[in-house]
Amino acid sequence: MTIGTALHRVGPVSATLHAASLGAVGLCLALWIRAKTVDQEERGNAERRAIFVGLWPPMLWLLGDTVREFEKR
């Protein structure tokens, strides 16, 4: 069983995953802006957190595309 098949059986539709991808972009921007407001000692950790969250959107978008292919069948 592939990941796409498992996600299709669980039930999240492709639009939900695409929306989560866009939401992750917004969260990344919010974390990055917040990183600029903390003091210098905590800034590195806050920036790394924003970069980590910034890695999520492509993965979520591609999972949404995979589920959409299963929805078309």
PDB file of N, CA and C in Angstrom:
ATOM      1  N   MET A   1       0.859  -1.171   0.000  1.00  0.00           N
ATOM      2  CA  MET A   1       0.000   0.000   0.000  1.00  0.00           C
ATOM      3  C   MET A   1       0.905   1.233   0.000  1.00  0.00           C
ATOM      4  N   THR A   2       0.602   2.176  -0.861  1.00  0.00           N
ATOM      5  CA  THR A   2       1.386   3.409  -0.936  1.00  0.00           C
ATOM      6  C   THR A   2       0.819   4.453   0.017  1.00  0.00           C
ATOM      7  N   ILE A   3       1.579   5.518   0.220  1.00  0.00           N
ATOM      8  CA  ILE A   3       1.123   6.599   1.092  1.00  0.00           C
ATOM      9  C   ILE A   3      -0.133   7.252   0.514  1.00  0.00           C
ATOM     10  N   GLY A   4      -0.153   7.414  -0.799  1.00  0.00           N
ATOM     11  CA  GLY A   4      -1.325   8.013  -1.440  1.00  0.00           C
ATOM     12  C   GLY A   4      -2.583   7.190  -1.228  1.00  0.00           C
ATOM     13  N   THR A   5      -2.465   5.878  -1.321  1.00  0.00           N
ATOM     14  CA  THR A   5      -3.611   5.000  -1.088  1.00  0.00           C
ATOM     15  C   THR A   5      -4.075   5.100   0.357  1.00  0.00           C
ATOM     16  N   ALA A   6      -3.128   5.099   1.285  1.00  0.00           N
ATOM     17  CA  ALA A   6      -3.487   5.182   2.699  1.00  0.00           C
ATOM     18  C   ALA A   6      -4.178   6.502   3.017  1.00  0.00           C
ATOM     19  N   LEU A   7      -3.665   7.608   2.483  1.00  0.00           N
ATOM     20  CA  LEU A   7      -4.294   8.906   2.727  1.00  0.00           C
ATOM     21  C   LEU A   7      -5.691   8.968   2.116  1.00  0.00           C
ATOM     22  N   HIS A   8      -5.841   8.370   0.946  1.00  0.00           N
ATOM     23  CA  HIS A   8      -7.160   8.377   0.311  1.00  0.00           C
ATOM     24  C   HIS A   8      -8.164   7.567   1.140  1.00  0.00           C
ATOM     25  N   ARG A   9      -7.723   6.469   1.710  1.00  0.00           N
ATOM     26  CA  ARG A   9      -8.622   5.650   2.535  1.00  0.00           C
ATOM     27  C   ARG A   9      -8.976   6.331   3.845  1.00  0.00           C
ATOM     28  N   VAL A  10      -8.006   7.066   4.428  1.00  0.00           N
ATOM     29  CA  VAL A  10      -8.258   7.755   5.696  1.00  0.00           C
ATOM     30  C   VAL A  10      -9.291   8.855   5.496  1.00  0.00           C
ATOM     31  N   GLY A  11      -9.217   9.534   4.371  1.00  0.00           N
ATOM     32  CA  GLY A  11     -10.266  10.478   4.071  1.00  0.00           C
ATOM     33  C   GLY A  11      -9.906  11.919   3.816  1.00  0.00           C
ATOM     34  N   PRO A  12      -8.691  12.400   4.081  1.00  0.00           N
ATOM     35  CA  PRO A  12      -8.462  13.817   3.795  1.00  0.00           C
ATOM     36  C   PRO A  12      -8.485  14.050   2.286  1.00  0.00           C
ATOM     37  N   VAL A  13      -9.248  15.004   1.885  1.00  0.00           N
ATOM     38  CA  VAL A  13      -9.333  15.294   0.457  1.00  0.00           C
ATOM     39  C   VAL A  13      -8.165  16.169   0.061  1.00  0.00           C
ATOM     40  N   SER A  14      -7.905  16.236  -1.225  1.00  0.00           N
ATOM     41  CA  SER A  14      -6.754  16.989  -1.707  1.00  0.00           C
ATOM     42  C   SER A  14      -6.860  18.469  -1.356  1.00  0.00           C
ATOM     43  N   ALA A  15      -8.061  19.013  -1.365  1.00  0.00           N
ATOM     44  CA  ALA A  15      -8.227  20.431  -1.034  1.00  0.00           C
ATOM     45  C   ALA A  15      -7.804  20.715   0.402  1.00  0.00           C
ATOM     46  N   THR A  16      -8.034  19.774   1.300  1.00  0.00           N
ATOM     47  CA  THR A  16      -7.622  19.944   2.694  1.00  0.00           C
ATOM     48  C   THR A  16      -6.105  19.988   2.804  1.00  0.00           C
ATOM     49  N   LEU A  17      -5.428  19.109   2.089  1.00  0.00           N
ATOM     50  CA  LEU A  17      -3.968  19.092   2.129  1.00  0.00           C
ATOM     51  C   LEU A  17      -3.387  20.340   1.472  1.00  0.00           C
ATOM     52  N   HIS A  18      -4.002  20.799   0.396  1.00  0.00           N
ATOM     53  CA  HIS A  18      -3.532  22.033  -0.245  1.00  0.00           C
ATOM     54  C   HIS A  18      -3.745  23.229   0.682  1.00  0.00           C
ATOM     55  N   ALA A  19      -4.864  23.263   1.383  1.00  0.00           N
ATOM     56  CA  ALA A  19      -5.113  24.349   2.340  1.00  0.00           C
ATOM     57  C   ALA A  19      -4.109  24.287   3.495  1.00  0.00           C
ATOM     58  N   ALA A  20      -3.780  23.089   3.940  1.00  0.00           N
ATOM     59  CA  ALA A  20      -2.788  22.941   5.000  1.00  0.00           C
ATOM     60  C   ALA A  20      -1.420  23.431   4.528  1.00  0.00           C
ATOM     61  N   SER A  21      -1.128  23.223   3.267  1.00  0.00           N
ATOM     62  CA  SER A  21       0.126  23.713   2.705  1.00  0.00           C
ATOM     63  C   SER A  21       0.181  25.236   2.744  1.00  0.00           C
ATOM     64  N   LEU A  22      -0.887  25.864   2.331  1.00  0.00           N
ATOM     65  CA  LEU A  22      -0.939  27.326   2.369  1.00  0.00           C
ATOM     66  C   LEU A  22      -0.916  27.838   3.808  1.00  0.00           C
ATOM     67  N   GLY A  23      -1.562  27.121   4.709  1.00  0.00           N
ATOM     68  CA  GLY A  23      -1.528  27.489   6.115  1.00  0.00           C
ATOM     69  C   GLY A  23      -0.119  27.389   6.692  1.00  0.00           C
ATOM     70  N   ALA A  24       0.629  26.399   6.246  1.00  0.00           N
ATOM     71  CA  ALA A  24       2.005  26.248   6.719  1.00  0.00           C
ATOM     72  C   ALA A  24       2.879  27.401   6.238  1.00  0.00           C
ATOM     73  N   VAL A  25       2.593  27.914   5.047  1.00  0.00           N
ATOM     74  CA  VAL A  25       3.319  29.094   4.559  1.00  0.00           C
ATOM     75  C   VAL A  25       3.039  30.278   5.480  1.00  0.00           C
ATOM     76  N   GLY A  26       1.764  30.474   5.829  1.00  0.00           N
ATOM     77  CA  GLY A  26       1.400  31.560   6.740  1.00  0.00           C
ATOM     78  C   GLY A  26       2.041  31.394   8.106  1.00  0.00           C
ATOM     79  N   LEU A  27       2.058  30.171   8.615  1.00  0.00           N
ATOM     80  CA  LEU A  27       2.680  29.909   9.910  1.00  0.00           C
ATOM     81  C   LEU A  27       4.178  30.191   9.861  1.00  0.00           C
ATOM     82  N   CYS A  28       4.825  29.797   8.781  1.00  0.00           N
ATOM     83  CA  CYS A  28       6.251  30.049   8.630  1.00  0.00           C
ATOM     84  C   CYS A  28       6.537  31.546   8.639  1.00  0.00           C
ATOM     85  N   LEU A  29       5.742  32.317   7.898  1.00  0.00           N
ATOM     86  CA  LEU A  29       5.929  33.768   7.879  1.00  0.00           C
ATOM     87  C   LEU A  29       5.707  34.379   9.258  1.00  0.00           C
ATOM     88  N   ALA A  30       4.684  33.909   9.951  1.00  0.00           N
ATOM     89  CA  ALA A  30       4.408  34.429  11.293  1.00  0.00           C
ATOM     90  C   ALA A  30       5.556  34.109  12.248  1.00  0.00           C
ATOM     91  N   LEU A  31       6.094  32.899  12.165  1.00  0.00           N
ATOM     92  CA  LEU A  31       7.213  32.528  13.025  1.00  0.00           C
ATOM     93  C   LEU A  31       8.466  33.339  12.681  1.00  0.00           C
ATOM     94  N   TRP A  32       8.671  33.608  11.399  1.00  0.00           N
ATOM     95  CA  TRP A  32       9.838  34.373  10.984  1.00  0.00           C
ATOM     96  C   TRP A  32       9.738  35.819  11.480  1.00  0.00           C
ATOM     97  N   ILE A  33       8.548  36.397  11.359  1.00  0.00           N
ATOM     98  CA  ILE A  33       8.348  37.763  11.851  1.00  0.00           C
ATOM     99  C   ILE A  33       8.524  37.802  13.367  1.00  0.00           C
ATOM    100  N   ARG A  34       7.992  36.803  14.046  1.00  0.00           N
ATOM    101  CA  ARG A  34       8.144  36.742  15.500  1.00  0.00           C
ATOM    102  C   ARG A  34       9.612  36.589  15.888  1.00  0.00           C
ATOM    103  N   ALA A  35      10.381  35.879  15.080  1.00  0.00           N
ATOM    104  CA  ALA A  35      11.802  35.686  15.372  1.00  0.00           C
ATOM    105  C   ALA A  35      12.543  37.019  15.389  1.00  0.00           C
ATOM    106  N   LYS A  36      12.061  37.975  14.632  1.00  0.00           N
ATOM    107  CA  LYS A  36      12.717  39.281  14.592  1.00  0.00           C
ATOM    108  C   LYS A  36      12.412  40.112  15.834  1.00  0.00           C
ATOM    109  N   THR A  37      11.418  39.704  16.618  1.00  0.00           N
ATOM    110  CA  THR A  37      11.034  40.487  17.796  1.00  0.00           C
ATOM    111  C   THR A  37      11.657  39.969  19.083  1.00  0.00           C
ATOM    112  N   VAL A  38      12.236  38.760  19.063  1.00  0.00           N
ATOM    113  CA  VAL A  38      12.828  38.215  20.284  1.00  0.00           C
ATOM    114  C   VAL A  38      14.262  38.711  20.424  1.00  0.00           C
ATOM    115  N   ASP A  39      14.811  38.565  21.615  1.00  0.00           N
ATOM    116  CA  ASP A  39      16.168  39.053  21.836  1.00  0.00           C
ATOM    117  C   ASP A  39      17.190  38.174  21.107  1.00  0.00           C
ATOM    118  N   GLN A  40      18.392  38.653  21.031  1.00  0.00           N
ATOM    119  CA  GLN A  40      19.440  38.020  20.229  1.00  0.00           C
ATOM    120  C   GLN A  40      19.743  36.589  20.669  1.00  0.00           C
ATOM    121  N   GLU A  41      19.626  36.292  21.954  1.00  0.00           N
ATOM    122  CA  GLU A  41      19.942  34.953  22.452  1.00  0.00           C
ATOM    123  C   GLU A  41      18.960  33.900  21.947  1.00  0.00           C
ATOM    124  N   GLU A  42      17.714  34.270  21.773  1.00  0.00           N
ATOM    125  CA  GLU A  42      16.689  33.318  21.351  1.00  0.00           C
ATOM    126  C   GLU A  42      16.421  33.376  19.851  1.00  0.00           C
ATOM    127  N   ARG A  43      16.992  34.330  19.158  1.00  0.00           N
ATOM    128  CA  ARG A  43      16.675  34.534  17.740  1.00  0.00           C
ATOM    129  C   ARG A  43      17.061  33.345  16.874  1.00  0.00           C
ATOM    130  N   GLY A  44      18.226  32.746  17.123  1.00  0.00           N
ATOM    131  CA  GLY A  44      18.658  31.611  16.308  1.00  0.00           C
ATOM    132  C   GLY A  44      17.679  30.456  16.371  1.00  0.00           C
ATOM    133  N   ASN A  45      17.210  30.144  17.565  1.00  0.00           N
ATOM    134  CA  ASN A  45      16.261  29.046  17.723  1.00  0.00           C
ATOM    135  C   ASN A  45      14.936  29.379  17.045  1.00  0.00           C
ATOM    136  N   ALA A  46      14.489  30.619  17.182  1.00  0.00           N
ATOM    137  CA  ALA A  46      13.223  31.024  16.566  1.00  0.00           C
ATOM    138  C   ALA A  46      13.324  30.985  15.038  1.00  0.00           C
ATOM    139  N   GLU A  47      14.466  31.389  14.493  1.00  0.00           N
ATOM    140  CA  GLU A  47      14.638  31.335  13.040  1.00  0.00           C
ATOM    141  C   GLU A  47      14.698  29.893  12.545  1.00  0.00           C
ATOM    142  N   ARG A  48      15.358  29.017  13.293  1.00  0.00           N
ATOM    143  CA  ARG A  48      15.400  27.602  12.895  1.00  0.00           C
ATOM    144  C   ARG A  48      14.012  26.982  12.915  1.00  0.00           C
ATOM    145  N   ARG A  49      13.202  27.375  13.876  1.00  0.00           N
ATOM    146  CA  ARG A  49      11.825  26.880  13.940  1.00  0.00           C
ATOM    147  C   ARG A  49      11.045  27.325  12.696  1.00  0.00           C
ATOM    148  N   ALA A  50      11.219  28.570  12.292  1.00  0.00           N
ATOM    149  CA  ALA A  50      10.531  29.080  11.106  1.00  0.00           C
ATOM    150  C   ALA A  50      10.997  28.345   9.848  1.00  0.00           C
ATOM    151  N   ILE A  51      12.291  28.090   9.752  1.00  0.00           N
ATOM    152  CA  ILE A  51      12.811  27.365   8.587  1.00  0.00           C
ATOM    153  C   ILE A  51      12.281  25.937   8.572  1.00  0.00           C
ATOM    154  N   PHE A  52      12.210  25.291   9.732  1.00  0.00           N
ATOM    155  CA  PHE A  52      11.680  23.928   9.805  1.00  0.00           C
ATOM    156  C   PHE A  52      10.230  23.883   9.317  1.00  0.00           C
ATOM    157  N   VAL A  53       9.418  24.820   9.781  1.00  0.00           N
ATOM    158  CA  VAL A  53       8.021  24.860   9.347  1.00  0.00           C
ATOM    159  C   VAL A  53       7.951  25.194   7.853  1.00  0.00           C
ATOM    160  N   GLY A  54       8.914  25.953   7.351  1.00  0.00           N
ATOM    161  CA  GLY A  54       8.944  26.285   5.931  1.00  0.00           C
ATOM    162  C   GLY A  54       9.197  25.093   5.027  1.00  0.00           C
ATOM    163  N   LEU A  55       9.646  23.990   5.588  1.00  0.00           N
ATOM    164  CA  LEU A  55       9.848  22.778   4.796  1.00  0.00           C
ATOM    165  C   LEU A  55       8.548  21.997   4.584  1.00  0.00           C
ATOM    166  N   TRP A  56       7.527  22.291   5.345  1.00  0.00           N
ATOM    167  CA  TRP A  56       6.277  21.543   5.259  1.00  0.00           C
ATOM    168  C   TRP A  56       5.455  21.801   3.994  1.00  0.00           C
ATOM    169  N   PRO A  57       5.315  23.038   3.506  1.00  0.00           N
ATOM    170  CA  PRO A  57       4.395  23.285   2.391  1.00  0.00           C
ATOM    171  C   PRO A  57       4.624  22.433   1.150  1.00  0.00           C
ATOM    172  N   PRO A  58       5.869  22.250   0.668  1.00  0.00           N
ATOM    173  CA  PRO A  58       6.006  21.417  -0.533  1.00  0.00           C
ATOM    174  C   PRO A  58       5.538  19.981  -0.305  1.00  0.00           C
ATOM    175  N   MET A  59       5.840  19.437   0.876  1.00  0.00           N
ATOM    176  CA  MET A  59       5.429  18.069   1.167  1.00  0.00           C
ATOM    177  C   MET A  59       3.906  17.955   1.198  1.00  0.00           C
ATOM    178  N   LEU A  60       3.250  18.891   1.882  1.00  0.00           N
ATOM    179  CA  LEU A  60       1.790  18.837   1.969  1.00  0.00           C
ATOM    180  C   LEU A  60       1.154  19.038   0.595  1.00  0.00           C
ATOM    181  N   TRP A  61       1.725  19.926  -0.206  1.00  0.00           N
ATOM    182  CA  TRP A  61       1.171  20.175  -1.544  1.00  0.00           C
ATOM    183  C   TRP A  61       1.286  18.924  -2.412  1.00  0.00           C
ATOM    184  N   LEU A  62       2.436  18.259  -2.372  1.00  0.00           N
ATOM    185  CA  LEU A  62       2.618  17.050  -3.169  1.00  0.00           C
ATOM    186  C   LEU A  62       1.728  15.906  -2.679  1.00  0.00           C
ATOM    187  N   LEU A  63       1.527  15.810  -1.372  1.00  0.00           N
ATOM    188  CA  LEU A  63       0.585  14.805  -0.863  1.00  0.00           C
ATOM    189  C   LEU A  63      -0.823  15.107  -1.355  1.00  0.00           C
ATOM    190  N   GLY A  64      -1.192  16.382  -1.400  1.00  0.00           N
ATOM    191  CA  GLY A  64      -2.501  16.763  -1.937  1.00  0.00           C
ATOM    192  C   GLY A  64      -2.642  16.390  -3.398  1.00  0.00           C
ATOM    193  N   ASP A  65      -1.574  16.585  -4.174  1.00  0.00           N
ATOM    194  CA  ASP A  65      -1.615  16.192  -5.584  1.00  0.00           C
ATOM    195  C   ASP A  65      -1.750  14.685  -5.745  1.00  0.00           C
ATOM    196  N   THR A  66      -1.069  13.934  -4.884  1.00  0.00           N
ATOM    197  CA  THR A  66      -1.155  12.476  -4.939  1.00  0.00           C
ATOM    198  C   THR A  66      -2.572  11.999  -4.618  1.00  0.00           C
ATOM    199  N   VAL A  67      -3.174  12.571  -3.586  1.00  0.00           N
ATOM    200  CA  VAL A  67      -4.538  12.181  -3.221  1.00  0.00           C
ATOM    201  C   VAL A  67      -5.507  12.591  -4.333  1.00  0.00           C
ATOM    202  N   ARG A  68      -5.262  13.731  -4.976  1.00  0.00           N
ATOM    203  CA  ARG A  68      -6.142  14.167  -6.074  1.00  0.00           C
ATOM    204  C   ARG A  68      -6.122  13.156  -7.216  1.00  0.00           C
ATOM    205  N   GLU A  69      -4.941  12.571  -7.481  1.00  0.00           N
ATOM    206  CA  GLU A  69      -4.861  11.544  -8.525  1.00  0.00           C
ATOM    207  C   GLU A  69      -5.725  10.334  -8.161  1.00  0.00           C
ATOM    208  N   PHE A  70      -5.750   9.954  -6.876  1.00  0.00           N
ATOM    209  CA  PHE A  70      -6.602   8.843  -6.453  1.00  0.00           C
ATOM    210  C   PHE A  70      -8.077   9.230  -6.510  1.00  0.00           C
ATOM    211  N   GLU A  71      -8.389  10.493  -6.271  1.00  0.00           N
ATOM    212  CA  GLU A  71      -9.791  10.953  -6.331  1.00  0.00           C
ATOM    213  C   GLU A  71     -10.316  10.930  -7.756  1.00  0.00           C
ATOM    214  N   LYS A  72      -9.438  11.133  -8.724  1.00  0.00           N
ATOM    215  CA  LYS A  72      -9.853  11.137 -10.136  1.00  0.00           C
ATOM    216  C   LYS A  72     -10.246   9.738 -10.613  1.00  0.00           C
ATOM    217  N   ARG A  73      -9.691   8.701  -9.964  1.00  0.00           N
ATOM    218  CA  ARG A  73      -9.966   7.329 -10.415  1.00  0.00           C
ATOM    219  C   ARG A  73     -11.346   6.882 -10.046  1.00  0.00           C
TER     220      ARG A  73
END
